[in-house]
C-alpha atoms as a PDB file:
ATOM      1  CA  MET A   1      56.335 118.140 -31.082  1.00  0.00           C
ATOM      2  CA  GLN A   2      56.150 116.971 -34.664  1.00  0.00           C
ATOM      3  CA  ALA A   3      55.355 113.455 -35.747  1.00  0.00           C
ATOM      4  CA  SER A   4      58.047 111.321 -37.310  1.00  0.00           C
ATOM      5  CA  SER A   5      58.891 112.156 -40.909  1.00  0.00           C
ATOM      6  CA  PHE A   6      58.638 108.462 -41.699  1.00  0.00           C
ATOM      7  CA  SER A   7      54.866 108.675 -41.776  1.00  0.00           C
ATOM      8  CA  ARG A   8      52.035 111.088 -42.346  1.00  0.00           C
ATOM      9  CA  ALA A   9      52.032 113.697 -39.605  1.00  0.00           C
ATOM     10  CA  LEU A  10      49.637 113.183 -36.714  1.00  0.00           C
ATOM     11  CA  PRO A  11      49.843 114.554 -33.166  1.00  0.00           C
ATOM     12  CA  ARG A  12      52.584 113.058 -31.035  1.00  0.00           C
ATOM     13  CA  THR A  13      51.818 112.344 -27.395  1.00  0.00           C
ATOM     14  CA  PHE A  14      53.581 110.761 -24.434  1.00  0.00           C
ATOM     15  CA  ILE A  15      52.630 108.572 -21.492  1.00  0.00           C
ATOM     16  CA  SER A  16      50.704 110.777 -19.074  1.00  0.00           C
ATOM     17  CA  ALA A  17      51.944 111.889 -15.677  1.00  0.00           C
ATOM     18  CA  ALA A  18      49.298 109.690 -14.082  1.00  0.00           C
ATOM     19  CA  ILE A  19      50.481 106.470 -15.691  1.00  0.00           C
ATOM     20  CA  ALA A  20      54.126 107.453 -15.203  1.00  0.00           C
ATOM     21  CA  SER A  21      53.381 107.953 -11.510  1.00  0.00           C
ATOM     22  CA  ALA A  22      51.742 104.553 -11.352  1.00  0.00           C
ATOM     23  CA  PHE A  23      54.795 103.014 -12.990  1.00  0.00           C
ATOM     24  CA  ALA A  24      57.084 104.743 -10.507  1.00  0.00           C
ATOM     25  CA  PHE A  25      55.098 103.288  -7.604  1.00  0.00           C
ATOM     26  CA  ALA A  26      55.191  99.817  -9.160  1.00  0.00           C
ATOM     27  CA  ALA A  27      58.955 100.113  -9.620  1.00  0.00           C
ATOM     28  CA  ILE A  28      59.402 100.112  -5.866  1.00  0.00           C
ATOM     29  CA  ASN A  29      58.168  96.529  -5.831  1.00  0.00           C
ATOM     30  CA  ALA A  30      60.058  95.383  -8.933  1.00  0.00           C
ATOM     31  CA  SER A  31      62.662  92.823  -7.948  1.00  0.00           C
ATOM     32  CA  ALA A  32      64.559  89.873  -9.335  1.00  0.00           C
ATOM     33  CA  ASP A  33      62.445  86.751  -9.730  1.00  0.00           C
ATOM     34  CA  LEU A  34      65.070  84.261 -10.814  1.00  0.00           C
ATOM     35  CA  SER A  35      64.365  80.633 -11.493  1.00  0.00           C
ATOM     36  CA  SER A  36      65.470  78.313  -8.710  1.00  0.00           C
ATOM     37  CA  ARG A  37      68.148  77.095 -11.134  1.00  0.00           C
ATOM     38  CA  TYR A  38      70.114  80.285 -10.492  1.00  0.00           C
ATOM     39  CA  VAL A  39      71.416  82.365  -7.606  1.00  0.00           C
ATOM     40  CA  ASP A  40      71.996  86.114  -7.274  1.00  0.00           C
ATOM     41  CA  ASN A  41      74.332  86.515  -4.340  1.00  0.00           C
ATOM     42  CA  ASP A  42      75.628  89.923  -5.454  1.00  0.00           C
ATOM     43  CA  GLY A  43      72.122  91.413  -5.750  1.00  0.00           C
ATOM     44  CA  ASP A  44      72.416  92.710  -9.315  1.00  0.00           C
ATOM     45  CA  MET A  45      69.172  90.965 -10.376  1.00  0.00           C
ATOM     46  CA  VAL A  46      70.855  88.572 -12.831  1.00  0.00           C
ATOM     47  CA  ALA A  47      72.083  85.012 -12.416  1.00  0.00           C
ATOM     48  CA  ASP A  48      75.579  84.680 -10.992  1.00  0.00           C
ATOM     49  CA  VAL A  49      78.266  82.750 -12.813  1.00  0.00           C
ATOM     50  CA  PRO A  50      78.311  79.297 -11.138  1.00  0.00           C
ATOM     51  CA  SER A  51      80.823  79.098  -8.295  1.00  0.00           C
ATOM     52  CA  ASP A  52      81.464  75.447  -9.208  1.00  0.00           C
ATOM     53  CA  GLU A  53      83.892  75.513 -12.146  1.00  0.00           C
ATOM     54  CA  SER A  54      82.673  72.104 -13.270  1.00  0.00           C
ATOM     55  CA  GLN A  55      79.440  73.813 -14.343  1.00  0.00           C
ATOM     56  CA  TRP A  56      81.225  76.215 -16.704  1.00  0.00           C
ATOM     57  CA  VAL A  57      80.946  75.559 -20.433  1.00  0.00           C
ATOM     58  CA  ASP A  58      83.574  76.343 -23.077  1.00  0.00           C
ATOM     59  CA  PRO A  59      82.053  75.171 -26.377  1.00  0.00           C
ATOM     60  CA  ASP A  60      84.009  74.774 -29.606  1.00  0.00           C
ATOM     61  CA  THR A  61      81.143  76.525 -31.420  1.00  0.00           C
ATOM     62  CA  LEU A  62      79.414  79.587 -30.029  1.00  0.00           C
ATOM     63  CA  VAL A  63      75.777  80.003 -31.054  1.00  0.00           C
ATOM     64  CA  PHE A  64      74.483  83.563 -31.547  1.00  0.00           C
ATOM     65  CA  ALA A  65      70.864  84.605 -32.077  1.00  0.00           C
ATOM     66  CA  TYR A  66      69.366  88.002 -32.793  1.00  0.00           C
ATOM     67  CA  THR A  67      65.821  88.842 -31.713  1.00  0.00           C
ATOM     68  CA  PRO A  68      63.198  87.340 -34.081  1.00  0.00           C
ATOM     69  CA  VAL A  69      62.481  89.334 -37.226  1.00  0.00           C
ATOM     70  CA  GLU A  70      60.349  88.782 -40.310  1.00  0.00           C
ATOM     71  CA  ASP A  71      63.245  87.453 -42.411  1.00  0.00           C
ATOM     72  CA  PRO A  72      66.085  86.017 -40.286  1.00  0.00           C
ATOM     73  CA  ALA A  73      68.170  85.475 -43.464  1.00  0.00           C
ATOM     74  CA  VAL A  74      68.499  89.253 -43.861  1.00  0.00           C
ATOM     75  CA  TYR A  75      70.028  89.518 -40.406  1.00  0.00           C
ATOM     76  CA  ALA A  76      72.369  86.597 -40.950  1.00  0.00           C
ATOM     77  CA  ASP A  77      74.038  88.838 -43.551  1.00  0.00           C
ATOM     78  CA  VAL A  78      73.805  91.923 -41.324  1.00  0.00           C
ATOM     79  CA  TRP A  79      75.638  90.153 -38.501  1.00  0.00           C
ATOM     80  CA  SER A  80      78.131  88.227 -40.672  1.00  0.00           C
ATOM     81  CA  ASP A  81      81.081  90.615 -40.305  1.00  0.00           C
ATOM     82  CA  PHE A  82      80.578  91.007 -36.571  1.00  0.00           C
ATOM     83  CA  LEU A  83      80.433  87.237 -36.098  1.00  0.00           C
ATOM     84  CA  SER A  84      83.702  86.886 -38.026  1.00  0.00           C
ATOM     85  CA  HIS A  85      85.158  89.455 -35.627  1.00  0.00           C
ATOM     86  CA  LEU A  86      83.801  87.425 -32.706  1.00  0.00           C
ATOM     87  CA  GLU A  87      85.473  84.292 -34.098  1.00  0.00           C
ATOM     88  CA  GLU A  88      88.831  86.082 -34.246  1.00  0.00           C
ATOM     89  CA  ALA A  89      88.402  87.446 -30.726  1.00  0.00           C
ATOM     90  CA  THR A  90      87.493  84.116 -29.142  1.00  0.00           C
ATOM     91  CA  GLY A  91      89.205  81.547 -31.346  1.00  0.00           C
ATOM     92  CA  LYS A  92      85.831  79.810 -31.633  1.00  0.00           C
ATOM     93  CA  ARG A  93      83.573  79.001 -34.529  1.00  0.00           C
ATOM     94  CA  VAL A  94      80.443  81.173 -34.292  1.00  0.00           C
ATOM     95  CA  GLN A  95      77.104  80.051 -35.727  1.00  0.00           C
ATOM     96  CA  PHE A  96      74.149  82.351 -36.443  1.00  0.00           C
ATOM     97  CA  PHE A  97      70.900  80.799 -35.192  1.00  0.00           C
ATOM     98  CA  PRO A  98      67.885  82.210 -37.144  1.00  0.00           C
ATOM     99  CA  VAL A  99      65.157  82.030 -34.505  1.00  0.00           C
ATOM    100  CA  GLN A 100      61.547  82.364 -35.626  1.00  0.00           C
ATOM    101  CA  SER A 101      59.957  83.383 -32.327  1.00  0.00           C
ATOM    102  CA  ASN A 102      60.727  84.800 -28.892  1.00  0.00           C
ATOM    103  CA  ALA A 103      59.728  81.463 -27.372  1.00  0.00           C
ATOM    104  CA  ALA A 104      62.208  79.560 -29.542  1.00  0.00           C
ATOM    105  CA  GLN A 105      65.021  81.920 -28.592  1.00  0.00           C
ATOM    106  CA  LEU A 106      64.228  81.654 -24.890  1.00  0.00           C
ATOM    107  CA  GLU A 107      63.963  77.882 -25.014  1.00  0.00           C
ATOM    108  CA  ALA A 108      67.329  77.592 -26.785  1.00  0.00           C
ATOM    109  CA  LEU A 109      68.963  79.692 -24.060  1.00  0.00           C
ATOM    110  CA  ARG A 110      67.348  77.744 -21.243  1.00  0.00           C
ATOM    111  CA  ALA A 111      68.322  74.427 -22.844  1.00  0.00           C
ATOM    112  CA  GLY A 112      71.959  75.461 -23.180  1.00  0.00           C
ATOM    113  CA  ARG A 113      71.916  75.615 -26.994  1.00  0.00           C
ATOM    114  CA  LEU A 114      72.388  79.401 -27.147  1.00  0.00           C
ATOM    115  CA  HIS A 115      75.439  81.199 -25.779  1.00  0.00           C
ATOM    116  CA  VAL A 116      75.377  84.800 -27.044  1.00  0.00           C
ATOM    117  CA  ALA A 117      72.203  86.653 -27.938  1.00  0.00           C
ATOM    118  CA  GLY A 118      70.329  89.857 -28.522  1.00  0.00           C
ATOM    119  CA  PHE A 119      66.966  89.713 -26.758  1.00  0.00           C
ATOM    120  CA  ASN A 120      64.325  92.314 -27.502  1.00  0.00           C
ATOM    121  CA  THR A 121      63.397  94.775 -24.777  1.00  0.00           C
ATOM    122  CA  GLY A 122      60.373  92.929 -23.415  1.00  0.00           C
ATOM    123  CA  SER A 123      61.891  89.448 -23.639  1.00  0.00           C
ATOM    124  CA  THR A 124      65.011  90.437 -21.718  1.00  0.00           C
ATOM    125  CA  PRO A 125      63.416  90.086 -18.238  1.00  0.00           C
ATOM    126  CA  VAL A 126      62.112  86.630 -19.182  1.00  0.00           C
ATOM    127  CA  ALA A 127      65.537  85.612 -20.496  1.00  0.00           C
ATOM    128  CA  VAL A 128      67.184  86.936 -17.328  1.00  0.00           C
ATOM    129  CA  ASN A 129      64.815  85.240 -14.906  1.00  0.00           C
ATOM    130  CA  CYS A 130      64.131  81.990 -16.730  1.00  0.00           C
ATOM    131  CA  GLY A 131      67.248  81.473 -18.839  1.00  0.00           C
ATOM    132  CA  GLY A 132      70.131  82.887 -16.825  1.00  0.00           C
ATOM    133  CA  PHE A 133      70.769  85.613 -19.407  1.00  0.00           C
ATOM    134  CA  ARG A 134      73.425  88.163 -18.380  1.00  0.00           C
ATOM    135  CA  PRO A 135      72.964  91.390 -20.408  1.00  0.00           C
ATOM    136  CA  PHE A 136      76.029  93.598 -20.795  1.00  0.00           C
ATOM    137  CA  ALA A 137      75.593  95.728 -23.939  1.00  0.00           C
ATOM    138  CA  MET A 138      73.153  97.722 -26.005  1.00  0.00           C
ATOM    139  CA  MET A 139      73.412  99.637 -29.281  1.00  0.00           C
ATOM    140  CA  ALA A 140      73.650 103.423 -29.070  1.00  0.00           C
ATOM    141  CA  ALA A 141      74.332 106.476 -31.196  1.00  0.00           C
ATOM    142  CA  ASP A 142      77.787 108.030 -31.522  1.00  0.00           C
ATOM    143  CA  ASP A 143      76.966 110.428 -28.686  1.00  0.00           C
ATOM    144  CA  GLY A 144      75.939 107.568 -26.376  1.00  0.00           C
ATOM    145  CA  SER A 145      72.200 108.224 -26.601  1.00  0.00           C
ATOM    146  CA  PHE A 146      70.020 105.167 -27.022  1.00  0.00           C
ATOM    147  CA  GLY A 147      66.477 103.896 -27.139  1.00  0.00           C
ATOM    148  CA  TYR A 148      63.349 103.656 -29.229  1.00  0.00           C
ATOM    149  CA  GLU A 149      59.702 104.570 -28.844  1.00  0.00           C
ATOM    150  CA  MET A 150      56.551 102.487 -28.939  1.00  0.00           C
ATOM    151  CA  GLU A 151      54.167 103.696 -31.614  1.00  0.00           C
ATOM    152  CA  ILE A 152      50.561 102.826 -32.326  1.00  0.00           C
ATOM    153  CA  ILE A 153      50.019 103.011 -36.068  1.00  0.00           C
ATOM    154  CA  THR A 154      47.158 102.684 -38.544  1.00  0.00           C
ATOM    155  CA  TYR A 155      46.810 102.858 -42.325  1.00  0.00           C
ATOM    156  CA  PRO A 156      45.688 106.053 -44.074  1.00  0.00           C
ATOM    157  CA  GLY A 157      41.923 106.111 -44.494  1.00  0.00           C
ATOM    158  CA  SER A 158      41.270 103.606 -41.706  1.00  0.00           C
ATOM    159  CA  GLY A 159      38.866 105.998 -39.990  1.00  0.00           C
ATOM    160  CA  ILE A 160      41.017 105.870 -36.847  1.00  0.00           C
ATOM    161  CA  GLU A 161      42.012 109.447 -36.098  1.00  0.00           C
ATOM    162  CA  GLY A 162      43.176 108.960 -32.510  1.00  0.00           C
ATOM    163  CA  VAL A 163      43.779 106.302 -29.874  1.00  0.00           C
ATOM    164  CA  LYS A 164      40.196 106.489 -28.584  1.00  0.00           C
ATOM    165  CA  ASP A 165      38.986 105.459 -32.045  1.00  0.00           C
ATOM    166  CA  LEU A 166      40.509 102.004 -31.480  1.00  0.00           C
ATOM    167  CA  GLU A 167      37.372 101.056 -29.572  1.00  0.00           C
ATOM    168  CA  GLY A 168      35.550  98.404 -31.556  1.00  0.00           C
ATOM    169  CA  ARG A 169      38.456  97.957 -33.977  1.00  0.00           C
ATOM    170  CA  GLN A 170      41.364  95.492 -34.162  1.00  0.00           C
ATOM    171  CA  LEU A 171      44.838  96.194 -32.759  1.00  0.00           C
ATOM    172  CA  ALA A 172      47.745  93.901 -33.552  1.00  0.00           C
ATOM    173  CA  PHE A 173      50.319  93.092 -30.894  1.00  0.00           C
ATOM    174  CA  THR A 174      53.544  91.203 -31.593  1.00  0.00           C
ATOM    175  CA  ALA A 175      53.990  88.749 -28.705  1.00  0.00           C
ATOM    176  CA  GLU A 176      53.065  88.751 -25.022  1.00  0.00           C
ATOM    177  CA  THR A 177      56.738  89.027 -24.019  1.00  0.00           C
ATOM    178  CA  SER A 178      57.274  92.192 -26.088  1.00  0.00           C
ATOM    179  CA  ASN A 179      57.600  95.543 -24.333  1.00  0.00           C
ATOM    180  CA  SER A 180      56.562  97.871 -27.148  1.00  0.00           C
ATOM    181  CA  GLY A 181      54.588  95.202 -28.984  1.00  0.00           C
ATOM    182  CA  PHE A 182      52.339  94.301 -26.041  1.00  0.00           C
ATOM    183  CA  ARG A 183      53.108  95.299 -22.455  1.00  0.00           C
ATOM    184  CA  ALA A 184      53.627  99.058 -22.836  1.00  0.00           C
ATOM    185  CA  PRO A 185      50.609  99.608 -25.107  1.00  0.00           C
ATOM    186  CA  SER A 186      48.423  97.396 -22.921  1.00  0.00           C
ATOM    187  CA  ALA A 187      49.295  99.422 -19.818  1.00  0.00           C
ATOM    188  CA  LEU A 188      48.866 102.686 -21.693  1.00  0.00           C
ATOM    189  CA  LEU A 189      45.484 101.837 -23.230  1.00  0.00           C
ATOM    190  CA  ARG A 190      44.137 100.543 -19.940  1.00  0.00           C
ATOM    191  CA  SER A 191      45.420 103.356 -17.718  1.00  0.00           C
ATOM    192  CA  GLU A 192      45.129 106.407 -19.954  1.00  0.00           C
ATOM    193  CA  TYR A 193      42.235 105.563 -22.269  1.00  0.00           C
ATOM    194  CA  GLY A 194      40.215 102.976 -20.342  1.00  0.00           C
ATOM    195  CA  LEU A 195      40.520 100.479 -23.199  1.00  0.00           C
ATOM    196  CA  GLU A 196      40.914  96.823 -22.275  1.00  0.00           C
ATOM    197  CA  ALA A 197      42.230  94.316 -24.821  1.00  0.00           C
ATOM    198  CA  GLY A 198      39.658  91.726 -25.818  1.00  0.00           C
ATOM    199  CA  GLU A 199      36.836  93.803 -24.356  1.00  0.00           C
ATOM    200  CA  ASP A 200      37.007  97.247 -25.922  1.00  0.00           C
ATOM    201  CA  PHE A 201      38.965  96.253 -29.019  1.00  0.00           C
ATOM    202  CA  GLU A 202      39.884  93.034 -30.813  1.00  0.00           C
ATOM    203  CA  THR A 203      43.448  91.765 -30.692  1.00  0.00           C
ATOM    204  CA  ALA A 204      45.744  89.772 -32.933  1.00  0.00           C
ATOM    205  CA  PHE A 205      49.319  88.599 -32.441  1.00  0.00           C
ATOM    206  CA  SER A 206      51.542  88.967 -35.501  1.00  0.00           C
ATOM    207  CA  GLY A 207      54.733  87.408 -34.091  1.00  0.00           C
ATOM    208  CA  SER A 208      57.049  90.343 -34.900  1.00  0.00           C
ATOM    209  CA  HIS A 209      57.151  94.101 -35.389  1.00  0.00           C
ATOM    210  CA  ASP A 210      57.889  93.576 -39.083  1.00  0.00           C
ATOM    211  CA  ASN A 211      54.731  91.503 -39.459  1.00  0.00           C
ATOM    212  CA  SER A 212      52.655  94.072 -37.592  1.00  0.00           C
ATOM    213  CA  ILE A 213      53.867  96.910 -39.803  1.00  0.00           C
ATOM    214  CA  LEU A 214      53.278  94.959 -42.991  1.00  0.00           C
ATOM    215  CA  GLY A 215      49.871  93.868 -41.685  1.00  0.00           C
ATOM    216  CA  VAL A 216      48.812  97.492 -41.180  1.00  0.00           C
ATOM    217  CA  VAL A 217      50.220  98.643 -44.511  1.00  0.00           C
ATOM    218  CA  ASN A 218      48.376  95.808 -46.278  1.00  0.00           C
ATOM    219  CA  GLN A 219      45.246  96.571 -44.215  1.00  0.00           C
ATOM    220  CA  ASP A 220      45.186  93.124 -42.608  1.00  0.00           C
ATOM    221  CA  TYR A 221      45.103  94.909 -39.233  1.00  0.00           C
ATOM    222  CA  ASP A 222      43.313  98.158 -38.403  1.00  0.00           C
ATOM    223  CA  ALA A 223      46.189  99.237 -36.178  1.00  0.00           C
ATOM    224  CA  ALA A 224      49.310  97.892 -34.471  1.00  0.00           C
ATOM    225  CA  ALA A 225      51.695  98.628 -31.613  1.00  0.00           C
ATOM    226  CA  ILE A 226      55.280  98.641 -32.853  1.00  0.00           C
ATOM    227  CA  ALA A 227      58.864  99.650 -32.057  1.00  0.00           C
ATOM    228  CA  ASN A 228      59.589 102.681 -34.239  1.00  0.00           C
ATOM    229  CA  SER A 229      63.214 101.627 -34.739  1.00  0.00           C
ATOM    230  CA  VAL A 230      61.964  98.638 -36.745  1.00  0.00           C
ATOM    231  CA  GLY A 231      59.739 100.869 -38.860  1.00  0.00           C
ATOM    232  CA  LYS A 232      62.643 103.197 -39.648  1.00  0.00           C
ATOM    233  CA  ARG A 233      64.850 100.313 -40.774  1.00  0.00           C
ATOM    234  CA  MET A 234      62.078  98.850 -42.950  1.00  0.00           C
ATOM    235  CA  ILE A 235      61.583 102.215 -44.644  1.00  0.00           C
ATOM    236  CA  ALA A 236      65.335 102.570 -45.187  1.00  0.00           C
ATOM    237  CA  ARG A 237      65.431  99.113 -46.822  1.00  0.00           C
ATOM    238  CA  GLY A 238      62.440  99.963 -49.028  1.00  0.00           C
ATOM    239  CA  VAL A 239      60.221  97.268 -47.509  1.00  0.00           C
ATOM    240  CA  VAL A 240      57.587  99.939 -46.817  1.00  0.00           C
ATOM    241  CA  ASN A 241      57.403 103.579 -47.855  1.00  0.00           C
ATOM    242  CA  GLU A 242      57.031 106.850 -46.028  1.00  0.00           C
ATOM    243  CA  GLY A 243      53.331 107.655 -45.748  1.00  0.00           C
ATOM    244  CA  ASP A 244      52.263 103.992 -45.784  1.00  0.00           C
ATOM    245  CA  TYR A 245      51.074 104.330 -42.191  1.00  0.00           C
ATOM    246  CA  ASP A 246      49.989 107.027 -39.752  1.00  0.00           C
ATOM    247  CA  ILE A 247      51.266 107.350 -36.189  1.00  0.00           C
ATOM    248  CA  LEU A 248      48.528 107.671 -33.570  1.00  0.00           C
ATOM    249  CA  TYR A 249      50.720 107.636 -30.460  1.00  0.00           C
ATOM    250  CA  THR A 250      54.406 107.856 -29.548  1.00  0.00           C
ATOM    251  CA  SER A 251      55.624 106.770 -26.117  1.00  0.00           C
ATOM    252  CA  GLU A 252      58.518 107.699 -23.902  1.00  0.00           C
ATOM    253  CA  THR A 253      61.910 106.245 -24.845  1.00  0.00           C
ATOM    254  CA  PHE A 254      62.743 102.638 -23.918  1.00  0.00           C
ATOM    255  CA  PRO A 255      66.052 100.714 -23.990  1.00  0.00           C
ATOM    256  CA  THR A 256      66.714  98.704 -27.127  1.00  0.00           C
ATOM    257  CA  THR A 257      67.766  95.074 -27.626  1.00  0.00           C
ATOM    258  CA  ALA A 258      70.003  93.753 -24.839  1.00  0.00           C
ATOM    259  CA  TYR A 259      73.075  91.763 -25.822  1.00  0.00           C
ATOM    260  CA  GLY A 260      74.391  89.272 -23.349  1.00  0.00           C
ATOM    261  CA  LEU A 261      75.582  85.799 -22.434  1.00  0.00           C
ATOM    262  CA  ALA A 262      74.505  82.556 -20.884  1.00  0.00           C
ATOM    263  CA  ASN A 263      75.531  82.686 -17.237  1.00  0.00           C
ATOM    264  CA  ASN A 264      77.522  79.445 -17.311  1.00  0.00           C
ATOM    265  CA  LEU A 265      80.097  80.395 -19.956  1.00  0.00           C
ATOM    266  CA  ASN A 266      83.710  80.112 -18.844  1.00  0.00           C
ATOM    267  CA  PRO A 267      84.470  83.598 -17.417  1.00  0.00           C
ATOM    268  CA  GLU A 268      87.599  83.980 -19.579  1.00  0.00           C
ATOM    269  CA  LEU A 269      85.557  83.251 -22.689  1.00  0.00           C
ATOM    270  CA  ALA A 270      82.793  85.571 -21.486  1.00  0.00           C
ATOM    271  CA  GLU A 271      85.311  88.393 -21.101  1.00  0.00           C
ATOM    272  CA  LYS A 272      86.618  87.860 -24.643  1.00  0.00           C
ATOM    273  CA  ILE A 273      83.061  88.004 -25.988  1.00  0.00           C
ATOM    274  CA  GLN A 274      82.274  91.219 -24.143  1.00  0.00           C
ATOM    275  CA  ASN A 275      85.495  92.838 -25.323  1.00  0.00           C
ATOM    276  CA  ALA A 276      84.641  91.844 -28.891  1.00  0.00           C
ATOM    277  CA  PHE A 277      81.393  93.813 -28.690  1.00  0.00           C
ATOM    278  CA  PHE A 278      83.044  96.930 -27.311  1.00  0.00           C
ATOM    279  CA  ASN A 279      86.084  97.008 -29.623  1.00  0.00           C
ATOM    280  CA  TYR A 280      84.208  96.214 -32.844  1.00  0.00           C
ATOM    281  CA  ASP A 281      84.788  98.792 -35.588  1.00  0.00           C
ATOM    282  CA  TRP A 282      81.408  99.478 -37.215  1.00  0.00           C
ATOM    283  CA  GLU A 283      82.690 101.591 -40.090  1.00  0.00           C
ATOM    284  CA  GLY A 284      81.855 100.160 -43.515  1.00  0.00           C
ATOM    285  CA  THR A 285      80.187  97.021 -42.124  1.00  0.00           C
ATOM    286  CA  PRO A 286      76.755  95.507 -42.818  1.00  0.00           C
ATOM    287  CA  LEU A 287      75.924  96.210 -39.159  1.00  0.00           C
ATOM    288  CA  GLU A 288      76.538  99.920 -39.693  1.00  0.00           C
ATOM    289  CA  ALA A 289      74.533  99.914 -42.936  1.00  0.00           C
ATOM    290  CA  GLU A 290      71.518  98.367 -41.219  1.00  0.00           C
ATOM    291  CA  PHE A 291      71.469 100.011 -37.808  1.00  0.00           C
ATOM    292  CA  THR A 292      72.511 103.515 -38.824  1.00  0.00           C
ATOM    293  CA  ASN A 293      68.920 103.695 -40.104  1.00  0.00           C
ATOM    294  CA  SER A 294      67.768 103.764 -36.479  1.00  0.00           C
ATOM    295  CA  GLY A 295      70.612 106.000 -35.310  1.00  0.00           C
ATOM    296  CA  GLU A 296      72.841 103.304 -33.799  1.00  0.00           C
ATOM    297  CA  ALA A 297      76.606 103.246 -34.255  1.00  0.00           C
ATOM    298  CA  GLN A 298      78.256 101.438 -31.323  1.00  0.00           C
ATOM    299  CA  PHE A 299      77.796  99.054 -28.404  1.00  0.00           C
ATOM    300  CA  ILE A 300      77.735 100.581 -24.925  1.00  0.00           C
ATOM    301  CA  PRO A 301      77.861  98.904 -21.484  1.00  0.00           C
ATOM    302  CA  ILE A 302      74.579  98.438 -19.609  1.00  0.00           C
ATOM    303  CA  THR A 303      73.230  96.793 -16.485  1.00  0.00           C
ATOM    304  CA  TYR A 304      69.913  95.023 -16.287  1.00  0.00           C
ATOM    305  CA  GLN A 305      69.282  96.455 -12.842  1.00  0.00           C
ATOM    306  CA  ASP A 306      69.495 100.077 -13.999  1.00  0.00           C
ATOM    307  CA  ASN A 307      68.642 100.170 -17.692  1.00  0.00           C
ATOM    308  CA  TRP A 308      65.656  97.810 -17.534  1.00  0.00           C
ATOM    309  CA  SER A 309      63.977  99.437 -14.526  1.00  0.00           C
ATOM    310  CA  VAL A 310      61.214 101.079 -16.595  1.00  0.00           C
ATOM    311  CA  VAL A 311      60.589  97.820 -18.480  1.00  0.00           C
ATOM    312  CA  ARG A 312      60.258  95.838 -15.245  1.00  0.00           C
ATOM    313  CA  THR A 313      57.888  98.499 -13.965  1.00  0.00           C
ATOM    314  CA  ILE A 314      55.624  98.172 -17.009  1.00  0.00           C
ATOM    315  CA  ALA A 315      55.657  94.391 -16.637  1.00  0.00           C
ATOM    316  CA  ASP A 316      54.767  94.794 -12.957  1.00  0.00           C
ATOM    317  CA  ALA A 317      51.927  97.162 -13.842  1.00  0.00           C
ATOM    318  CA  ASN A 318      50.600  94.450 -16.176  1.00  0.00           C
ATOM    319  CA  GLY A 319      50.768  91.824 -13.427  1.00  0.00           C
ATOM    320  CA  VAL A 320      53.531  89.858 -15.143  1.00  0.00           C
ATOM    321  CA  THR A 321      55.055  87.045 -13.088  1.00  0.00           C
ATOM    322  CA  TYR A 322      57.765  84.535 -14.020  1.00  0.00           C
ATOM    323  CA  ASP A 323      56.783  80.916 -13.517  1.00  0.00           C
ATOM    324  CA  CYS A 324      60.065  79.551 -14.833  1.00  0.00           C
ATOM    325  CA  ASP A 325      60.125  76.228 -13.045  1.00  0.00           C
END
């Protein structure tokens, strides 16, 4: 297969059968690990809505946060029309919360300050288990296809011609909760190439995929593990240019950002919010202008149990546990 046209062409590879087999075995043991604050009586691996109605919340202002990016102000504009639509659908004021880190977003959810959110792929299991997050939607193309790939990138002339050349060099991750920015590449490098972070190569944590890409382009990092959907959108916005980085590795396809709710929202309000996602008309909106760059054009229904199976498996292969309490 050919490398992405967004960068200089290098061989494209996929997670080997051996590591995929290991992931499949680990998936057998993947199970819900909810905080003791929540219950899962229906077995769908997410926190149930409280049975005690006195625990339901129906705030006058709904707080929405999108997964941390380099410049949250850009995404406040991107989401502005959708949030106006959400206000009309719910009769509530809706506030955009510009989070600066995955930890800040998770803490806001757990503390009850965040009601509706888009959590990145790797943070979703943490939000589910520790914050009572109930995912219900994901962006997809017009034909219903969805997902992104993890890429390991480097700058032209770095001297890194393949993944094995990362030995002795520096690789930037985003955050330890990130799927494509940490967990997937860590499992891949360890299982397929025998490279252990901190032993065979130096590591850095940039905080976001945007920062990792810019760090490679500016030669602050030798290489980085990123979500290619972010790279495509940055190229489309002119933040970086085609050919600014080379792709060393492309993974299998993973689910994208999960959109969902705090588990204790009044069920009638929760239903209005979900309907607002699924009946939103993207045409001519800032959301369409931004996300069409990564092939996304609608929200589709998802379940954490099914769609996040591969992500839980990777986390399990990395020995991830959830000490929420």
